[in-house]
Amino acid sequence: MICDGLQIFATFDFVLHYALPVAVFAYCYSRILHIIRHQRKIFTVPDVTMSVPSRDGRTGQQVQQQGGVGKLSRTQLNVVQTMIFVIVCFVVCWTPSSLASIIQSIEVRSLLPICYR
């Protein structure tokens, strides 16, 4: 029937244009992060922590920072921030449209009781 077709189309549209891209984003970005972390472990010696000189932003004095294996590097932090930014932007931009489509298909089905015969 027409109502079932509308609901199937809305569900297919939601999955194809919203849920699938979010899942692909999450998978791809998690793989990128995994590879970056794996390469960092290859190029660093786990038992030795490196001392990196830098300047304190408030006082301007030189301080020593310990580069441990458990901490995120600047590159990893940038990747994580970019991942979060892209996913949040996609979700914020496409959630209203996707929800409106789903709600519209549900309301059409509830407004047309002839579809249940």
Protein backbone atom coordinates (compact mmCIF):
# COMPACT_ATOMS: atom_id res chain seq x y z
CA MET A 1 0.00 0.00 0.00
CA ILE A 2 0.98 3.65 -0.29
CA CYS A 3 1.46 4.16 3.45
CA ASP A 4 3.77 1.20 3.76
CA GLY A 5 5.74 2.46 0.77
CA LEU A 6 6.16 5.89 2.36
CA GLN A 7 7.34 4.41 5.61
CA ILE A 8 9.74 2.06 3.85
CA PHE A 9 11.09 4.96 1.76
CA ALA A 10 11.55 7.16 4.87
CA THR A 11 13.36 4.35 6.68
CA PHE A 12 15.56 3.62 3.66
CA ASP A 13 16.28 7.34 3.27
CA PHE A 14 17.22 7.62 6.97
CA VAL A 15 19.55 4.64 6.82
CA LEU A 16 21.16 5.56 3.50
CA HIS A 17 21.58 9.29 4.07
CA TYR A 18 22.10 9.49 7.83
CA ALA A 19 22.91 6.31 9.74
CA LEU A 20 25.25 4.82 7.14
CA PRO A 21 27.40 7.97 6.74
CA VAL A 22 27.69 8.37 10.52
CA ALA A 23 28.76 4.74 10.82
CA VAL A 24 31.30 5.16 7.99
CA PHE A 25 32.67 8.35 9.60
CA ALA A 26 33.05 6.64 12.94
CA TYR A 27 34.72 3.56 11.45
CA CYS A 28 37.13 5.45 9.18
CA TYR A 29 38.17 7.95 11.82
CA SER A 30 38.67 5.23 14.41
CA ARG A 31 40.94 3.39 11.95
CA ILE A 32 42.90 6.60 11.30
CA LEU A 33 43.36 7.14 15.04
CA HIS A 34 44.35 3.50 15.51
CA ILE A 35 47.02 3.76 12.78
CA ILE A 36 48.41 7.00 14.23
CA ARG A 37 48.64 5.46 17.70
CA HIS A 38 50.22 2.30 16.29
CA GLN A 39 52.84 4.27 14.34
CA ARG A 40 53.63 6.35 17.41
CA LYS A 41 54.32 3.17 19.39
CA ILE A 42 56.63 1.89 16.63
CA PHE A 43 58.73 5.07 16.55
CA THR A 44 59.02 5.53 20.33
CA VAL A 45 60.76 3.39 22.88
CA PRO A 46 58.17 2.47 25.54
CA ASP A 47 60.57 2.36 28.50
CA VAL A 48 62.22 5.73 27.85
CA THR A 49 60.35 9.00 28.20
CA MET A 50 61.76 11.89 26.26
CA SER A 51 62.18 15.30 27.80
CA VAL A 52 60.99 18.01 25.43
CA PRO A 53 61.89 21.65 26.14
CA SER A 54 59.16 24.24 25.64
CA ARG A 55 58.18 27.66 26.89
CA ASP A 56 55.51 28.36 29.45
CA GLY A 57 52.84 30.58 27.89
CA ARG A 58 52.34 32.75 30.99
CA THR A 59 55.88 33.25 32.29
CA GLY A 60 57.94 32.67 29.14
CA GLN A 61 60.34 30.42 31.06
CA GLN A 62 61.66 27.23 29.54
CA VAL A 63 60.09 24.09 31.04
CA GLN A 64 60.64 20.39 30.46
CA GLN A 65 57.67 18.31 29.34
CA GLN A 66 57.67 14.56 29.60
CA GLY A 67 56.51 12.79 26.44
CA GLY A 68 54.95 9.64 27.81
CA VAL A 69 53.34 6.88 25.77
CA GLY A 70 49.94 7.34 27.42
CA LYS A 71 49.51 10.97 26.38
CA LEU A 72 48.10 12.15 23.07
CA SER A 73 50.55 13.97 20.84
CA ARG A 74 49.59 17.23 19.14
CA THR A 75 48.95 15.34 15.89
CA GLN A 76 46.69 12.82 17.60
CA LEU A 77 44.85 15.60 19.39
CA ASN A 78 44.29 17.43 16.08
CA VAL A 79 42.97 14.23 14.47
CA VAL A 80 40.61 13.59 17.38
CA GLN A 81 39.36 17.20 17.34
CA THR A 82 38.82 17.05 13.57
CA MET A 83 36.96 13.74 13.87
CA ILE A 84 34.68 15.11 16.56
CA PHE A 85 34.12 18.34 14.63
CA VAL A 86 33.19 16.57 11.37
CA ILE A 87 30.86 14.08 13.05
CA VAL A 88 29.16 16.74 15.20
CA CYS A 89 28.69 19.04 12.19
CA PHE A 90 27.19 16.23 10.14
CA VAL A 91 24.87 15.17 12.96
CA VAL A 92 23.79 18.76 13.71
CA CYS A 93 23.13 19.54 10.05
CA TRP A 94 21.35 16.33 9.06
CA THR A 95 19.47 15.28 12.22
CA PRO A 96 16.57 17.74 11.79
CA SER A 97 15.97 16.68 8.18
CA SER A 98 16.22 12.97 8.99
CA LEU A 99 13.95 13.22 12.01
CA ALA A 100 11.42 15.29 10.07
CA SER A 101 11.30 12.62 7.37
CA ILE A 102 10.78 9.82 9.90
CA ILE A 103 8.15 11.80 11.85
CA GLN A 104 6.34 12.70 8.65
CA SER A 105 6.14 9.05 7.60
CA ILE A 106 4.83 8.06 11.03
CA GLU A 107 2.22 10.84 11.02
CA VAL A 108 1.07 9.92 7.51
CA ARG A 109 0.60 6.35 8.67
CA SER A 110 -1.32 7.40 11.80
CA LEU A 111 -3.48 9.92 9.88
CA LEU A 112 -4.55 7.39 7.27
CA PRO A 113 -6.23 4.51 9.10
CA ILE A 114 -7.23 2.96 5.78
CA CYS A 115 -3.65 1.70 5.47
CA TYR A 116 -4.23 -0.71 8.33
CA ARG A 117 -6.97 -2.64 6.55
